[in-house]
Amino acid sequence: MLAGILAALLLAEIALKPFAATLNWFNTQPVAETSSTVLTLRQFEEGIATAHYTPSSQRLTGIPPVPGAPNILILGDSFVFAAQVNDRQTMGAQLEQLSAQLGHPLNAVQYGWIAASPAKYVVEAPGLIEKWNPALTVVLINSDDFLPEVQYDRWTSMQLNPDGSATIHRVDANDQSRGHALIAQFTSRSALAKEVLTRFSKDVWPNLQSTLHPHHATPDSHPANAPTFADFARAHVAGLRQAYGDRLLLIYAAEPGLNNASDNTPDPAPDNAEQALLAACQQQAVRCLSTRDAFLHARDSGQFLAAGFSNSQPGTGHYNANGHRMIAQTIWNEYQTLSAEAR
């Protein structure tokens, strides 16, 4: 019996081997470094795709850069890491294709860091600006960026100050626990181990957390002693504006869900995090918008769902190729507006 179990595990590992990662998500090189190495990630948990990255976590578009064209810098967490779609389906690639078709080519430079928060984008700003000199920096923000846990994550530690700013420190990759390091090393070599860990983190751990900690924070609830949504929003916006200047666009990555206009269920209203971010942007004169209205219109008019895949729940989770295309269109529109204002 034991031999049969071992044989089955071996066959499963062999079958899944093409999906083993060649990169450690949490051990990346500095963004200022240049490397010709291309790392490949194949995954099938949410969509089926092959994605390519540099060792510094730059998400490649699969399109050669246009010499002399303006660089558009796109930053985010797993929404920009975008392991769920192929290279040419990412928002950066679709922005490059759209701009080329319209006769004004742009180079999209996109960096995604798993489980990162705006503090990560702030500390990376000097290296990114020096390397790419972006004509526009676009940052995707979502509800996870307003949970108390963002004060100390895998990448940065952040202390909110009374004046609304934040003191941010980089967390060295070598500071991760030995357990985390071993898990990252093991799952980068075994697709079966990676899949087991993924299923545990998505299906088992949330239920276990809700059982053990029934009052654990969600995107619409905070512990009484935690910073408020407005506190996080002010700090995020102020830090990003100081880091990237006036040519900055913040996009709130909303998740409208699967409800539609044909039933009596009201459309999902903007959550607390979204409202706080839009208010902070208005107060600090930073360009900011949400994907919510555009995604709701596409859904309710029967065009498409911006999130979800054939092997995941429709309307939820990370953006599919349609969602990436809509964000690319949004970035293009905002870039055109900025260019017209600069004339």
C-alpha atoms as a PDB file:
ATOM      1  CA  MET A   1       0.000   0.000   0.000  1.00  0.00           C
ATOM      2  CA  LEU A   2       2.804   2.391   0.913  1.00  0.00           C
ATOM      3  CA  ALA A   3       4.553   1.588  -2.347  1.00  0.00           C
ATOM      4  CA  GLY A   4       1.381   2.428  -4.248  1.00  0.00           C
ATOM      5  CA  ILE A   5       1.040   5.770  -2.480  1.00  0.00           C
ATOM      6  CA  LEU A   6       4.675   6.632  -3.183  1.00  0.00           C
ATOM      7  CA  ALA A   7       4.263   5.633  -6.827  1.00  0.00           C
ATOM      8  CA  ALA A   8       1.167   7.824  -7.156  1.00  0.00           C
ATOM      9  CA  LEU A   9       2.986  10.793  -5.620  1.00  0.00           C
ATOM     10  CA  LEU A  10       5.920  10.258  -7.957  1.00  0.00           C
ATOM     11  CA  LEU A  11       3.643  10.138 -11.000  1.00  0.00           C
ATOM     12  CA  ALA A  12       1.850  13.284  -9.842  1.00  0.00           C
ATOM     13  CA  GLU A  13       5.171  15.079  -9.411  1.00  0.00           C
ATOM     14  CA  ILE A  14       6.305  14.021 -12.892  1.00  0.00           C
ATOM     15  CA  ALA A  15       3.010  15.143 -14.438  1.00  0.00           C
ATOM     16  CA  LEU A  16       3.184  18.527 -12.701  1.00  0.00           C
ATOM     17  CA  LYS A  17       6.915  19.074 -13.221  1.00  0.00           C
ATOM     18  CA  PRO A  18       6.418  21.497 -16.153  1.00  0.00           C
ATOM     19  CA  PHE A  19       4.631  23.793 -13.688  1.00  0.00           C
ATOM     20  CA  ALA A  20       7.510  23.937 -11.204  1.00  0.00           C
ATOM     21  CA  ALA A  21       8.703  27.522 -10.803  1.00  0.00           C
ATOM     22  CA  THR A  22      12.203  28.680 -11.630  1.00  0.00           C
ATOM     23  CA  LEU A  23      11.988  31.684  -9.305  1.00  0.00           C
ATOM     24  CA  ASN A  24      11.620  32.356  -5.612  1.00  0.00           C
ATOM     25  CA  TRP A  25       8.862  34.970  -5.386  1.00  0.00           C
ATOM     26  CA  PHE A  26      10.265  36.477  -2.207  1.00  0.00           C
ATOM     27  CA  ASN A  27      13.982  36.569  -3.015  1.00  0.00           C
ATOM     28  CA  THR A  28      14.397  39.049  -5.857  1.00  0.00           C
ATOM     29  CA  GLN A  29      17.352  41.087  -7.048  1.00  0.00           C
ATOM     30  CA  PRO A  30      17.427  44.899  -6.658  1.00  0.00           C
ATOM     31  CA  VAL A  31      15.502  46.685  -9.409  1.00  0.00           C
ATOM     32  CA  ALA A  32      18.586  48.680 -10.418  1.00  0.00           C
ATOM     33  CA  GLU A  33      20.419  45.530 -11.485  1.00  0.00           C
ATOM     34  CA  THR A  34      20.306  44.494 -15.131  1.00  0.00           C
ATOM     35  CA  SER A  35      20.210  40.814 -15.991  1.00  0.00           C
ATOM     36  CA  SER A  36      19.683  38.894 -19.215  1.00  0.00           C
ATOM     37  CA  THR A  37      18.296  35.969 -17.227  1.00  0.00           C
ATOM     38  CA  VAL A  38      14.643  35.183 -17.891  1.00  0.00           C
ATOM     39  CA  LEU A  39      12.733  33.184 -15.285  1.00  0.00           C
ATOM     40  CA  THR A  40       9.676  31.136 -16.209  1.00  0.00           C
ATOM     41  CA  LEU A  41       6.576  30.413 -14.163  1.00  0.00           C
ATOM     42  CA  ARG A  42       3.856  28.044 -15.343  1.00  0.00           C
ATOM     43  CA  GLN A  43       0.709  27.741 -13.277  1.00  0.00           C
ATOM     44  CA  PHE A  44      -2.761  26.241 -13.480  1.00  0.00           C
ATOM     45  CA  GLU A  45      -4.437  27.145 -10.177  1.00  0.00           C
ATOM     46  CA  GLU A  46      -6.155  30.244 -11.579  1.00  0.00           C
ATOM     47  CA  GLY A  47      -6.065  30.291 -15.339  1.00  0.00           C
ATOM     48  CA  ILE A  48      -3.461  28.339 -17.284  1.00  0.00           C
ATOM     49  CA  ALA A  49      -0.517  30.473 -18.313  1.00  0.00           C
ATOM     50  CA  THR A  50       3.217  30.746 -18.827  1.00  0.00           C
ATOM     51  CA  ALA A  51       4.748  33.926 -17.431  1.00  0.00           C
ATOM     52  CA  HIS A  52       8.262  35.331 -17.728  1.00  0.00           C
ATOM     53  CA  TYR A  53      10.160  37.573 -15.315  1.00  0.00           C
ATOM     54  CA  THR A  54      13.560  39.062 -14.672  1.00  0.00           C
ATOM     55  CA  PRO A  55      15.285  38.222 -11.355  1.00  0.00           C
ATOM     56  CA  SER A  56      14.187  41.652 -10.077  1.00  0.00           C
ATOM     57  CA  SER A  57      10.492  40.700 -10.538  1.00  0.00           C
ATOM     58  CA  GLN A  58       9.915  42.679 -13.728  1.00  0.00           C
ATOM     59  CA  ARG A  59       6.946  41.087 -15.521  1.00  0.00           C
ATOM     60  CA  LEU A  60       7.949  40.803 -19.157  1.00  0.00           C
ATOM     61  CA  THR A  61       5.490  41.650 -21.911  1.00  0.00           C
ATOM     62  CA  GLY A  62       6.985  39.488 -24.644  1.00  0.00           C
ATOM     63  CA  ILE A  63       7.215  42.552 -26.908  1.00  0.00           C
ATOM     64  CA  PRO A  64      10.578  44.132 -27.798  1.00  0.00           C
ATOM     65  CA  PRO A  65      10.918  47.694 -26.460  1.00  0.00           C
ATOM     66  CA  VAL A  66      10.630  50.586 -28.924  1.00  0.00           C
ATOM     67  CA  PRO A  67      13.826  52.698 -28.840  1.00  0.00           C
ATOM     68  CA  GLY A  68      13.106  56.260 -27.743  1.00  0.00           C
ATOM     69  CA  ALA A  69       9.481  55.621 -26.811  1.00  0.00           C
ATOM     70  CA  PRO A  70       8.262  56.870 -23.397  1.00  0.00           C
ATOM     71  CA  ASN A  71       8.362  54.371 -20.559  1.00  0.00           C
ATOM     72  CA  ILE A  72       5.200  53.729 -18.557  1.00  0.00           C
ATOM     73  CA  LEU A  73       6.012  52.187 -15.179  1.00  0.00           C
ATOM     74  CA  ILE A  74       3.333  49.867 -13.760  1.00  0.00           C
ATOM     75  CA  LEU A  75       3.646  48.661 -10.161  1.00  0.00           C
ATOM     76  CA  GLY A  76       1.559  46.353  -8.032  1.00  0.00           C
ATOM     77  CA  ASP A  77       1.287  43.122  -6.126  1.00  0.00           C
ATOM     78  CA  SER A  78      -0.012  39.858  -7.577  1.00  0.00           C
ATOM     79  CA  PHE A  79      -2.331  41.828  -9.889  1.00  0.00           C
ATOM     80  CA  VAL A  80       0.767  43.014 -11.775  1.00  0.00           C
ATOM     81  CA  PHE A  81       2.825  39.882 -11.111  1.00  0.00           C
ATOM     82  CA  ALA A  82      -0.018  38.437 -13.208  1.00  0.00           C
ATOM     83  CA  ALA A  83       0.904  34.761 -13.221  1.00  0.00           C
ATOM     84  CA  GLN A  84      -2.656  34.001 -14.370  1.00  0.00           C
ATOM     85  CA  VAL A  85      -2.222  35.330 -17.934  1.00  0.00           C
ATOM     86  CA  ASN A  86       0.349  34.931 -20.673  1.00  0.00           C
ATOM     87  CA  ASP A  87       2.915  37.651 -21.345  1.00  0.00           C
ATOM     88  CA  ARG A  88       1.078  39.346 -24.208  1.00  0.00           C
ATOM     89  CA  GLN A  89      -2.176  39.385 -22.231  1.00  0.00           C
ATOM     90  CA  THR A  90      -0.801  41.496 -19.375  1.00  0.00           C
ATOM     91  CA  MET A  91      -1.928  45.099 -19.019  1.00  0.00           C
ATOM     92  CA  GLY A  92       1.550  46.285 -19.995  1.00  0.00           C
ATOM     93  CA  ALA A  93       1.665  44.232 -23.169  1.00  0.00           C
ATOM     94  CA  GLN A  94      -1.832  45.321 -24.183  1.00  0.00           C
ATOM     95  CA  LEU A  95      -0.881  48.948 -23.513  1.00  0.00           C
ATOM     96  CA  GLU A  96       2.114  48.541 -25.823  1.00  0.00           C
ATOM     97  CA  GLN A  97      -0.039  46.981 -28.537  1.00  0.00           C
ATOM     98  CA  LEU A  98      -2.744  49.632 -28.229  1.00  0.00           C
ATOM     99  CA  SER A  99      -0.325  52.552 -28.313  1.00  0.00           C
ATOM    100  CA  ALA A 100       1.498  51.107 -31.331  1.00  0.00           C
ATOM    101  CA  GLN A 101      -1.780  50.644 -33.204  1.00  0.00           C
ATOM    102  CA  LEU A 102      -2.651  54.286 -32.534  1.00  0.00           C
ATOM    103  CA  GLY A 103       0.711  55.497 -33.815  1.00  0.00           C
ATOM    104  CA  HIS A 104       2.196  56.615 -30.479  1.00  0.00           C
ATOM    105  CA  PRO A 105       4.153  53.618 -29.141  1.00  0.00           C
ATOM    106  CA  LEU A 106       4.876  53.282 -25.453  1.00  0.00           C
ATOM    107  CA  ASN A 107       7.112  50.896 -23.541  1.00  0.00           C
ATOM    108  CA  ALA A 108       5.393  49.313 -20.553  1.00  0.00           C
ATOM    109  CA  VAL A 109       7.678  48.371 -17.691  1.00  0.00           C
ATOM    110  CA  GLN A 110       5.759  46.371 -15.098  1.00  0.00           C
ATOM    111  CA  TYR A 111       6.931  45.096 -11.716  1.00  0.00           C
ATOM    112  CA  GLY A 112       4.792  42.871  -9.515  1.00  0.00           C
ATOM    113  CA  TRP A 113       5.715  41.593  -6.061  1.00  0.00           C
ATOM    114  CA  ILE A 114       3.557  38.939  -4.411  1.00  0.00           C
ATOM    115  CA  ALA A 115       1.829  40.231  -1.243  1.00  0.00           C
ATOM    116  CA  ALA A 116       3.469  43.660  -1.546  1.00  0.00           C
ATOM    117  CA  SER A 117       1.933  46.921  -0.345  1.00  0.00           C
ATOM    118  CA  PRO A 118       2.449  50.562  -1.439  1.00  0.00           C
ATOM    119  CA  ALA A 119       5.350  50.814   1.013  1.00  0.00           C
ATOM    120  CA  LYS A 120       7.295  48.412  -1.247  1.00  0.00           C
ATOM    121  CA  TYR A 121       6.756  50.675  -4.250  1.00  0.00           C
ATOM    122  CA  VAL A 122       7.966  53.657  -2.242  1.00  0.00           C
ATOM    123  CA  VAL A 123      11.275  52.070  -1.249  1.00  0.00           C
ATOM    124  CA  GLU A 124      11.894  50.905  -4.831  1.00  0.00           C
ATOM    125  CA  ALA A 125      11.250  54.372  -6.317  1.00  0.00           C
ATOM    126  CA  PRO A 126      14.853  55.671  -6.482  1.00  0.00           C
ATOM    127  CA  GLY A 127      16.105  52.634  -8.388  1.00  0.00           C
ATOM    128  CA  LEU A 128      13.106  52.475 -10.709  1.00  0.00           C
ATOM    129  CA  ILE A 129      13.169  56.171 -11.572  1.00  0.00           C
ATOM    130  CA  GLU A 130      16.906  56.154 -12.233  1.00  0.00           C
ATOM    131  CA  LYS A 131      16.654  53.065 -14.416  1.00  0.00           C
ATOM    132  CA  TRP A 132      13.521  53.847 -16.411  1.00  0.00           C
ATOM    133  CA  ASN A 133      12.830  57.608 -16.159  1.00  0.00           C
ATOM    134  CA  PRO A 134       9.076  56.949 -16.499  1.00  0.00           C
ATOM    135  CA  ALA A 135       6.782  59.375 -18.282  1.00  0.00           C
ATOM    136  CA  LEU A 136       4.003  58.062 -16.025  1.00  0.00           C
ATOM    137  CA  THR A 137       3.989  55.757 -13.006  1.00  0.00           C
ATOM    138  CA  VAL A 138       0.864  53.664 -12.480  1.00  0.00           C
ATOM    139  CA  VAL A 139       0.263  51.917  -9.152  1.00  0.00           C
ATOM    140  CA  LEU A 140      -2.464  49.325  -8.643  1.00  0.00           C
ATOM    141  CA  ILE A 141      -3.912  49.287  -5.130  1.00  0.00           C
ATOM    142  CA  ASN A 142      -6.500  46.908  -3.673  1.00  0.00           C
ATOM    143  CA  SER A 143      -8.319  46.268  -0.415  1.00  0.00           C
ATOM    144  CA  ASP A 144      -5.479  44.166   1.013  1.00  0.00           C
ATOM    145  CA  ASP A 145      -3.369  47.330   1.188  1.00  0.00           C
ATOM    146  CA  PHE A 146      -5.588  48.620   4.001  1.00  0.00           C
ATOM    147  CA  LEU A 147      -5.336  45.663   6.374  1.00  0.00           C
ATOM    148  CA  PRO A 148      -3.284  46.096   9.561  1.00  0.00           C
ATOM    149  CA  GLU A 149      -0.890  43.399   8.332  1.00  0.00           C
ATOM    150  CA  VAL A 150       0.636  45.777   5.761  1.00  0.00           C
ATOM    151  CA  GLN A 151       2.495  47.503   8.584  1.00  0.00           C
ATOM    152  CA  TYR A 152       4.923  44.625   8.486  1.00  0.00           C
ATOM    153  CA  ASP A 153       4.990  42.278   5.522  1.00  0.00           C
ATOM    154  CA  ARG A 154       7.580  40.259   3.644  1.00  0.00           C
ATOM    155  CA  TRP A 155       8.985  43.330   1.923  1.00  0.00           C
ATOM    156  CA  THR A 156       8.706  46.348   4.214  1.00  0.00           C
ATOM    157  CA  SER A 157       7.802  47.617   7.659  1.00  0.00           C
ATOM    158  CA  MET A 158       5.687  50.752   7.929  1.00  0.00           C
ATOM    159  CA  GLN A 159       4.960  52.949  10.938  1.00  0.00           C
ATOM    160  CA  LEU A 160       2.196  55.522  10.572  1.00  0.00           C
ATOM    161  CA  ASN A 161       3.042  58.965  11.946  1.00  0.00           C
ATOM    162  CA  PRO A 162       0.658  61.499  13.569  1.00  0.00           C
ATOM    163  CA  ASP A 163       1.042  63.887  10.606  1.00  0.00           C
ATOM    164  CA  GLY A 164      -0.391  61.300   8.192  1.00  0.00           C
ATOM    165  CA  SER A 165       2.947  60.241   6.741  1.00  0.00           C
ATOM    166  CA  ALA A 166       4.663  56.901   7.228  1.00  0.00           C
ATOM    167  CA  THR A 167       8.166  55.810   8.163  1.00  0.00           C
ATOM    168  CA  ILE A 168       9.123  52.897   5.917  1.00  0.00           C
ATOM    169  CA  HIS A 169      11.977  50.434   6.173  1.00  0.00           C
ATOM    170  CA  ARG A 170      12.975  47.704   3.760  1.00  0.00           C
ATOM    171  CA  VAL A 171      12.883  44.143   5.084  1.00  0.00           C
ATOM    172  CA  ASP A 172      15.948  42.216   3.936  1.00  0.00           C
ATOM    173  CA  ALA A 173      15.129  38.936   2.203  1.00  0.00           C
ATOM    174  CA  ASN A 174      17.683  37.297   4.480  1.00  0.00           C
ATOM    175  CA  ASP A 175      15.516  38.242   7.468  1.00  0.00           C
ATOM    176  CA  GLN A 176      12.849  35.715   6.528  1.00  0.00           C
ATOM    177  CA  SER A 177      12.636  32.767   8.875  1.00  0.00           C
ATOM    178  CA  ARG A 178      14.455  29.562   8.042  1.00  0.00           C
ATOM    179  CA  GLY A 179      11.083  27.863   7.716  1.00  0.00           C
ATOM    180  CA  HIS A 180       9.903  30.345   5.088  1.00  0.00           C
ATOM    181  CA  ALA A 181      13.205  30.005   3.232  1.00  0.00           C
ATOM    182  CA  LEU A 182      12.964  26.212   3.154  1.00  0.00           C
ATOM    183  CA  ILE A 183       9.349  26.315   1.978  1.00  0.00           C
ATOM    184  CA  ALA A 184      10.219  28.767  -0.813  1.00  0.00           C
ATOM    185  CA  GLN A 185      13.165  26.648  -1.902  1.00  0.00           C
ATOM    186  CA  PHE A 186      11.156  23.410  -1.840  1.00  0.00           C
ATOM    187  CA  THR A 187       8.129  24.762  -3.700  1.00  0.00           C
ATOM    188  CA  SER A 188      10.358  26.295  -6.378  1.00  0.00           C
ATOM    189  CA  ARG A 189      11.493  22.766  -7.220  1.00  0.00           C
ATOM    190  CA  SER A 190       8.362  20.698  -6.643  1.00  0.00           C
ATOM    191  CA  ALA A 191       5.130  21.610  -8.386  1.00  0.00           C
ATOM    192  CA  LEU A 192       3.251  19.061  -6.284  1.00  0.00           C
ATOM    193  CA  ALA A 193       4.451  20.687  -3.055  1.00  0.00           C
ATOM    194  CA  LYS A 194       3.567  24.113  -4.458  1.00  0.00           C
ATOM    195  CA  GLU A 195       0.046  22.948  -5.340  1.00  0.00           C
ATOM    196  CA  VAL A 196      -0.508  21.397  -1.897  1.00  0.00           C
ATOM    197  CA  LEU A 197       0.675  24.602  -0.215  1.00  0.00           C
ATOM    198  CA  THR A 198      -1.514  26.723  -2.511  1.00  0.00           C
ATOM    199  CA  ARG A 199      -4.604  24.670  -1.760  1.00  0.00           C
ATOM    200  CA  PHE A 200      -3.858  24.845   1.968  1.00  0.00           C
ATOM    201  CA  SER A 201      -3.422  28.621   1.900  1.00  0.00           C
ATOM    202  CA  LYS A 202      -6.569  29.211  -0.185  1.00  0.00           C
ATOM    203  CA  ASP A 203      -8.985  26.587   1.132  1.00  0.00           C
ATOM    204  CA  VAL A 204      -7.844  25.490   4.591  1.00  0.00           C
ATOM    205  CA  TRP A 205      -5.990  28.396   6.181  1.00  0.00           C
ATOM    206  CA  PRO A 206      -8.754  31.052   5.770  1.00  0.00           C
ATOM    207  CA  ASN A 207     -11.310  28.739   7.393  1.00  0.00           C
ATOM    208  CA  LEU A 208      -8.869  27.867  10.148  1.00  0.00           C
ATOM    209  CA  GLN A 209      -8.151  31.546  10.762  1.00  0.00           C
ATOM    210  CA  SER A 210     -11.841  32.434  10.914  1.00  0.00           C
ATOM    211  CA  THR A 211     -12.384  29.638  13.428  1.00  0.00           C
ATOM    212  CA  LEU A 212      -9.435  30.518  15.639  1.00  0.00           C
ATOM    213  CA  HIS A 213      -9.794  34.296  15.245  1.00  0.00           C
ATOM    214  CA  PRO A 214     -13.452  35.106  14.494  1.00  0.00           C
ATOM    215  CA  HIS A 215     -12.787  38.856  14.736  1.00  0.00           C
ATOM    216  CA  HIS A 216      -9.813  38.830  12.364  1.00  0.00           C
ATOM    217  CA  ALA A 217      -9.686  41.935  10.134  1.00  0.00           C
ATOM    218  CA  THR A 218     -11.241  41.903   6.689  1.00  0.00           C
ATOM    219  CA  PRO A 219     -11.141  44.584   3.983  1.00  0.00           C
ATOM    220  CA  ASP A 220     -14.224  46.163   5.559  1.00  0.00           C
ATOM    221  CA  SER A 221     -13.421  45.713   9.246  1.00  0.00           C
ATOM    222  CA  HIS A 222     -10.522  46.718  11.489  1.00  0.00           C
ATOM    223  CA  PRO A 223      -9.629  45.892  15.087  1.00  0.00           C
ATOM    224  CA  ALA A 224     -10.486  48.775  17.380  1.00  0.00           C
ATOM    225  CA  ASN A 225      -6.857  49.750  17.985  1.00  0.00           C
ATOM    226  CA  ALA A 226      -5.733  49.471  14.349  1.00  0.00           C
ATOM    227  CA  PRO A 227      -5.176  52.398  11.976  1.00  0.00           C
ATOM    228  CA  THR A 228      -8.280  53.334  10.017  1.00  0.00           C
ATOM    229  CA  PHE A 229      -8.795  53.033   6.275  1.00  0.00           C
ATOM    230  CA  ALA A 230      -8.329  56.796   6.039  1.00  0.00           C
ATOM    231  CA  ASP A 231      -5.030  56.556   7.944  1.00  0.00           C
ATOM    232  CA  PHE A 232      -3.650  54.008   5.504  1.00  0.00           C
ATOM    233  CA  ALA A 233      -4.993  55.901   2.502  1.00  0.00           C
ATOM    234  CA  ARG A 234      -3.360  59.188   3.524  1.00  0.00           C
ATOM    235  CA  ALA A 235      -0.032  57.480   4.159  1.00  0.00           C
ATOM    236  CA  HIS A 236      -0.099  55.473   0.906  1.00  0.00           C
ATOM    237  CA  VAL A 237      -0.976  58.469  -1.252  1.00  0.00           C
ATOM    238  CA  ALA A 238       1.485  60.819   0.450  1.00  0.00           C
ATOM    239  CA  GLY A 239       4.335  58.326   0.228  1.00  0.00           C
ATOM    240  CA  LEU A 240       3.740  57.502  -3.434  1.00  0.00           C
ATOM    241  CA  ARG A 241       3.369  61.136  -4.404  1.00  0.00           C
ATOM    242  CA  GLN A 242       6.606  62.063  -2.673  1.00  0.00           C
ATOM    243  CA  ALA A 243       8.378  59.112  -4.296  1.00  0.00           C
ATOM    244  CA  TYR A 244       7.123  59.476  -7.886  1.00  0.00           C
ATOM    245  CA  GLY A 245       6.075  63.103  -8.233  1.00  0.00           C
ATOM    246  CA  ASP A 246       3.165  64.546 -10.161  1.00  0.00           C
ATOM    247  CA  ARG A 247       3.160  62.071 -13.053  1.00  0.00           C
ATOM    248  CA  LEU A 248       1.471  59.449 -10.925  1.00  0.00           C
ATOM    249  CA  LEU A 249      -1.746  57.499 -11.444  1.00  0.00           C
ATOM    250  CA  LEU A 250      -3.285  55.311  -8.737  1.00  0.00           C
ATOM    251  CA  ILE A 251      -5.785  52.667  -9.831  1.00  0.00           C
ATOM    252  CA  TYR A 252      -7.983  50.900  -7.291  1.00  0.00           C
ATOM    253  CA  ALA A 253      -8.355  47.272  -8.376  1.00  0.00           C
ATOM    254  CA  ALA A 254     -11.998  46.623  -7.524  1.00  0.00           C
ATOM    255  CA  GLU A 255     -13.706  43.240  -7.601  1.00  0.00           C
ATOM    256  CA  PRO A 256     -17.347  43.747  -8.616  1.00  0.00           C
ATOM    257  CA  GLY A 257     -18.216  40.043  -8.548  1.00  0.00           C
ATOM    258  CA  LEU A 258     -20.744  38.050 -10.532  1.00  0.00           C
ATOM    259  CA  ASN A 259     -24.036  39.855  -9.747  1.00  0.00           C
ATOM    260  CA  ASN A 260     -25.773  41.297 -12.782  1.00  0.00           C
ATOM    261  CA  ALA A 261     -28.398  43.854 -13.636  1.00  0.00           C
ATOM    262  CA  SER A 262     -31.000  41.211 -14.555  1.00  0.00           C
ATOM    263  CA  ASP A 263     -31.669  40.355 -10.911  1.00  0.00           C
ATOM    264  CA  ASN A 264     -32.688  42.523  -8.000  1.00  0.00           C
ATOM    265  CA  THR A 265     -29.315  42.393  -6.258  1.00  0.00           C
ATOM    266  CA  PRO A 266     -27.805  45.883  -6.023  1.00  0.00           C
ATOM    267  CA  ASP A 267     -24.397  46.469  -7.535  1.00  0.00           C
ATOM    268  CA  PRO A 268     -21.539  46.121  -5.057  1.00  0.00           C
ATOM    269  CA  ALA A 269     -20.951  49.547  -3.568  1.00  0.00           C
ATOM    270  CA  PRO A 270     -17.409  50.885  -3.224  1.00  0.00           C
ATOM    271  CA  ASP A 271     -15.842  49.330  -0.152  1.00  0.00           C
ATOM    272  CA  ASN A 272     -14.341  51.329   2.700  1.00  0.00           C
ATOM    273  CA  ALA A 273     -10.811  51.034   1.358  1.00  0.00           C
ATOM    274  CA  GLU A 274     -11.816  52.312  -2.068  1.00  0.00           C
ATOM    275  CA  GLN A 275     -13.689  55.286  -0.660  1.00  0.00           C
ATOM    276  CA  ALA A 276     -10.782  56.172   1.626  1.00  0.00           C
ATOM    277  CA  LEU A 277      -8.275  56.009  -1.228  1.00  0.00           C
ATOM    278  CA  LEU A 278     -10.350  58.183  -3.570  1.00  0.00           C
ATOM    279  CA  ALA A 279     -10.870  60.745  -0.796  1.00  0.00           C
ATOM    280  CA  ALA A 280      -7.146  60.862   0.047  1.00  0.00           C
ATOM    281  CA  CYS A 281      -6.256  61.303  -3.615  1.00  0.00           C
ATOM    282  CA  GLN A 282      -8.673  64.217  -3.906  1.00  0.00           C
ATOM    283  CA  GLN A 283      -7.255  65.847  -0.778  1.00  0.00           C
ATOM    284  CA  GLN A 284      -3.656  65.481  -2.010  1.00  0.00           C
ATOM    285  CA  ALA A 285      -4.331  66.273  -5.689  1.00  0.00           C
ATOM    286  CA  VAL A 286      -3.207  62.887  -6.998  1.00  0.00           C
ATOM    287  CA  ARG A 287      -4.784  61.272 -10.051  1.00  0.00           C
ATOM    288  CA  CYS A 288      -6.775  58.276  -8.895  1.00  0.00           C
ATOM    289  CA  LEU A 289      -9.607  56.155 -10.220  1.00  0.00           C
ATOM    290  CA  SER A 290     -11.301  52.822  -9.642  1.00  0.00           C
ATOM    291  CA  THR A 291     -11.926  49.987 -12.070  1.00  0.00           C
ATOM    292  CA  ARG A 292     -15.330  49.359 -10.492  1.00  0.00           C
ATOM    293  CA  ASP A 293     -17.631  51.301 -12.839  1.00  0.00           C
ATOM    294  CA  ALA A 294     -15.967  50.088 -16.029  1.00  0.00           C
ATOM    295  CA  PHE A 295     -15.982  46.479 -14.865  1.00  0.00           C
ATOM    296  CA  LEU A 296     -19.623  46.691 -13.778  1.00  0.00           C
ATOM    297  CA  HIS A 297     -20.616  48.130 -17.147  1.00  0.00           C
ATOM    298  CA  ALA A 298     -18.784  45.375 -19.016  1.00  0.00           C
ATOM    299  CA  ARG A 299     -20.399  42.736 -16.837  1.00  0.00           C
ATOM    300  CA  ASP A 300     -23.959  44.064 -16.915  1.00  0.00           C
ATOM    301  CA  SER A 301     -23.927  44.788 -20.651  1.00  0.00           C
ATOM    302  CA  GLY A 302     -22.971  41.177 -21.279  1.00  0.00           C
ATOM    303  CA  GLN A 303     -19.553  41.975 -22.741  1.00  0.00           C
ATOM    304  CA  PHE A 304     -17.318  40.035 -20.361  1.00  0.00           C
ATOM    305  CA  LEU A 305     -16.188  39.466 -16.792  1.00  0.00           C
ATOM    306  CA  ALA A 306     -12.906  41.142 -15.920  1.00  0.00           C
ATOM    307  CA  ALA A 307     -11.893  38.558 -13.326  1.00  0.00           C
ATOM    308  CA  GLY A 308     -12.050  34.794 -13.066  1.00  0.00           C
ATOM    309  CA  PHE A 309     -11.033  31.948 -15.350  1.00  0.00           C
ATOM    310  CA  SER A 310     -12.346  28.655 -16.687  1.00  0.00           C
ATOM    311  CA  ASN A 311     -10.871  26.868 -13.667  1.00  0.00           C
ATOM    312  CA  SER A 312     -11.801  29.438 -11.013  1.00  0.00           C
ATOM    313  CA  GLN A 313     -14.893  31.251  -9.758  1.00  0.00           C
ATOM    314  CA  PRO A 314     -16.160  33.694 -12.406  1.00  0.00           C
ATOM    315  CA  GLY A 315     -16.034  37.359 -11.515  1.00  0.00           C
ATOM    316  CA  THR A 316     -13.638  37.001  -8.587  1.00  0.00           C
ATOM    317  CA  GLY A 317      -9.915  36.762  -7.982  1.00  0.00           C
ATOM    318  CA  HIS A 318      -7.245  38.088 -10.301  1.00  0.00           C
ATOM    319  CA  TYR A 319      -7.939  39.816 -13.581  1.00  0.00           C
ATOM    320  CA  ASN A 320      -8.135  37.827 -16.779  1.00  0.00           C
ATOM    321  CA  ALA A 321      -7.033  39.082 -20.200  1.00  0.00           C
ATOM    322  CA  ASN A 322     -10.213  41.198 -20.485  1.00  0.00           C
ATOM    323  CA  GLY A 323      -9.519  42.907 -17.171  1.00  0.00           C
ATOM    324  CA  HIS A 324      -5.926  43.594 -18.173  1.00  0.00           C
ATOM    325  CA  ARG A 325      -7.129  45.063 -21.475  1.00  0.00           C
ATOM    326  CA  MET A 326      -9.492  47.464 -19.728  1.00  0.00           C
ATOM    327  CA  ILE A 327      -6.729  48.657 -17.415  1.00  0.00           C
ATOM    328  CA  ALA A 328      -4.448  49.129 -20.429  1.00  0.00           C
ATOM    329  CA  GLN A 329      -7.137  51.284 -22.045  1.00  0.00           C
ATOM    330  CA  THR A 330      -7.502  53.281 -18.827  1.00  0.00           C
ATOM    331  CA  ILE A 331      -3.765  53.909 -18.617  1.00  0.00           C
ATOM    332  CA  TRP A 332      -3.675  54.991 -22.258  1.00  0.00           C
ATOM    333  CA  ASN A 333      -6.549  57.432 -21.742  1.00  0.00           C
ATOM    334  CA  GLU A 334      -4.922  58.963 -18.662  1.00  0.00           C
ATOM    335  CA  TYR A 335      -1.552  59.221 -20.397  1.00  0.00           C
ATOM    336  CA  GLN A 336      -3.176  61.057 -23.304  1.00  0.00           C
ATOM    337  CA  THR A 337      -4.815  63.462 -20.870  1.00  0.00           C
ATOM    338  CA  LEU A 338      -1.522  64.139 -19.111  1.00  0.00           C
ATOM    339  CA  SER A 339       0.258  64.683 -22.407  1.00  0.00           C
ATOM    340  CA  ALA A 340      -2.395  67.166 -23.543  1.00  0.00           C
ATOM    341  CA  GLU A 341      -2.145  69.083 -20.266  1.00  0.00           C
ATOM    342  CA  ALA A 342       1.633  69.304 -20.647  1.00  0.00           C
ATOM    343  CA  ARG A 343       1.430  70.948 -24.073  1.00  0.00           C
END
